[in-house]
Structure formats: C-alpha cells, structure tokens
C-alpha atoms as a PDB file:
ATOM      1  CA  MET A   1      87.900 100.258 114.343  1.00  0.00           C
ATOM      2  CA  SER A   2      91.448 100.775 115.193  1.00  0.00           C
ATOM      3  CA  SER A   3      94.211  98.455 113.755  1.00  0.00           C
ATOM      4  CA  ARG A   4      94.560  97.111 117.306  1.00  0.00           C
ATOM      5  CA  ASP A   5      90.833  96.522 117.650  1.00  0.00           C
ATOM      6  CA  GLY A   6      90.970  94.335 114.519  1.00  0.00           C
ATOM      7  CA  GLU A   7      93.350  92.021 116.378  1.00  0.00           C
ATOM      8  CA  VAL A   8      91.022  91.401 119.130  1.00  0.00           C
ATOM      9  CA  ARG A   9      89.698  87.750 119.314  1.00  0.00           C
ATOM     10  CA  ALA A  10      86.075  87.372 118.183  1.00  0.00           C
ATOM     11  CA  SER A  11      83.512  85.887 120.369  1.00  0.00           C
ATOM     12  CA  ASP A  12      80.669  83.607 119.272  1.00  0.00           C
ATOM     13  CA  ALA A  13      78.317  86.413 119.868  1.00  0.00           C
ATOM     14  CA  ASP A  14      80.394  88.630 117.410  1.00  0.00           C
ATOM     15  CA  ARG A  15      80.179  85.879 114.809  1.00  0.00           C
ATOM     16  CA  GLU A  16      76.473  85.475 115.173  1.00  0.00           C
ATOM     17  CA  GLU A  17      75.925  89.205 114.740  1.00  0.00           C
ATOM     18  CA  THR A  18      78.057  89.196 111.592  1.00  0.00           C
ATOM     19  CA  VAL A  19      75.804  86.380 110.156  1.00  0.00           C
ATOM     20  CA  ARG A  20      72.730  88.455 111.029  1.00  0.00           C
ATOM     21  CA  GLN A  21      74.180  91.393 109.140  1.00  0.00           C
ATOM     22  CA  LEU A  22      74.923  89.133 106.137  1.00  0.00           C
ATOM     23  CA  GLN A  23      71.330  87.716 106.342  1.00  0.00           C
ATOM     24  CA  ARG A  24      69.949  91.255 106.092  1.00  0.00           C
ATOM     25  CA  GLY A  25      72.237  91.851 103.009  1.00  0.00           C
ATOM     26  CA  LEU A  26      70.990  88.645 101.469  1.00  0.00           C
ATOM     27  CA  SER A  27      67.271  89.524 102.123  1.00  0.00           C
ATOM     28  CA  GLN A  28      67.824  93.023 100.524  1.00  0.00           C
ATOM     29  CA  GLY A  29      69.475  91.608  97.470  1.00  0.00           C
ATOM     30  CA  ARG A  30      72.876  92.975  98.191  1.00  0.00           C
ATOM     31  CA  LEU A  31      74.455  89.669  98.343  1.00  0.00           C
ATOM     32  CA  THR A  32      74.007  86.577  96.089  1.00  0.00           C
ATOM     33  CA  VAL A  33      73.309  83.109  97.835  1.00  0.00           C
ATOM     34  CA  ASP A  34      76.890  82.015  96.849  1.00  0.00           C
ATOM     35  CA  GLU A  35      78.394  85.299  98.265  1.00  0.00           C
ATOM     36  CA  PHE A  36      76.284  84.708 101.648  1.00  0.00           C
ATOM     37  CA  ASP A  37      77.313  81.103 101.929  1.00  0.00           C
ATOM     38  CA  GLU A  38      80.934  82.032 101.563  1.00  0.00           C
ATOM     39  CA  ARG A  39      80.843  84.831 103.986  1.00  0.00           C
ATOM     40  CA  VAL A  40      78.868  82.773 106.487  1.00  0.00           C
ATOM     41  CA  GLN A  41      81.539  80.046 106.394  1.00  0.00           C
ATOM     42  CA  ALA A  42      84.210  82.650 106.754  1.00  0.00           C
ATOM     43  CA  ALA A  43      82.400  84.277 109.738  1.00  0.00           C
ATOM     44  CA  TYR A  44      82.196  81.112 111.648  1.00  0.00           C
ATOM     45  CA  ALA A  45      85.965  80.403 110.954  1.00  0.00           C
ATOM     46  CA  ALA A  46      86.965  84.018 111.826  1.00  0.00           C
ATOM     47  CA  ARG A  47      89.397  84.474 114.801  1.00  0.00           C
ATOM     48  CA  THR A  48      89.495  88.207 115.027  1.00  0.00           C
ATOM     49  CA  LEU A  49      87.135  91.206 114.900  1.00  0.00           C
ATOM     50  CA  GLY A  50      89.183  92.420 111.842  1.00  0.00           C
ATOM     51  CA  GLU A  51      88.258  89.247 110.000  1.00  0.00           C
ATOM     52  CA  LEU A  52      84.685  89.750 110.725  1.00  0.00           C
ATOM     53  CA  ALA A  53      84.601  93.369 109.831  1.00  0.00           C
ATOM     54  CA  GLU A  54      86.068  92.432 106.388  1.00  0.00           C
ATOM     55  CA  LEU A  55      82.962  90.289 105.717  1.00  0.00           C
ATOM     56  CA  THR A  56      80.579  93.259 105.907  1.00  0.00           C
ATOM     57  CA  HIS A  57      82.900  96.119 104.767  1.00  0.00           C
ATOM     58  CA  ASP A  58      80.903  96.604 101.497  1.00  0.00           C
ATOM     59  CA  LEU A  59      77.381  96.474 103.174  1.00  0.00           C
ATOM     60  CA  PRO A  60      75.747  99.707 104.142  1.00  0.00           C
ATOM     61  CA  ARG A  61      76.002 100.452 107.821  1.00  0.00           C
ATOM     62  CA  SER A  62      72.221 100.900 107.960  1.00  0.00           C
ATOM     63  CA  LEU A  63      72.024  96.977 107.775  1.00  0.00           C
ATOM     64  CA  TRP A  64      73.870  96.879 111.016  1.00  0.00           C
END
C-alpha cells in the first residue's frame, strides 16, 4: 500500500474484512482475547485504510 492509499477513507466492508482477519488471528492463537477486543474496537473506529492496515500488520498474510 502506498502512503497515498493509506489516506483513502475506509468503507464498512473494509472494516468488516479487517475484523474477519482479526478473528482468524484469534482462532489461530496469534492474538489474545484482549488484543482482539482492542483491535476490533479500533477497526470499527478507523477512518482510513492505513489505520486498518496497522491493525493487521503483525499477522501473516496467509490469514488474509
């Protein structure tokens, strides 16, 4: 993602996809329940694609 792409406004579908990625991370034991809860709250509050990308940056792309 280019720096400009990170500034693009996120859609509801983008937020839901991020939450699905986080759910996969939780189910595989990569996130604790607390981390998952914090990130889901942040996903629903995110305004840009860059903010959403930050929430999954430490999860393997294979989860996506």
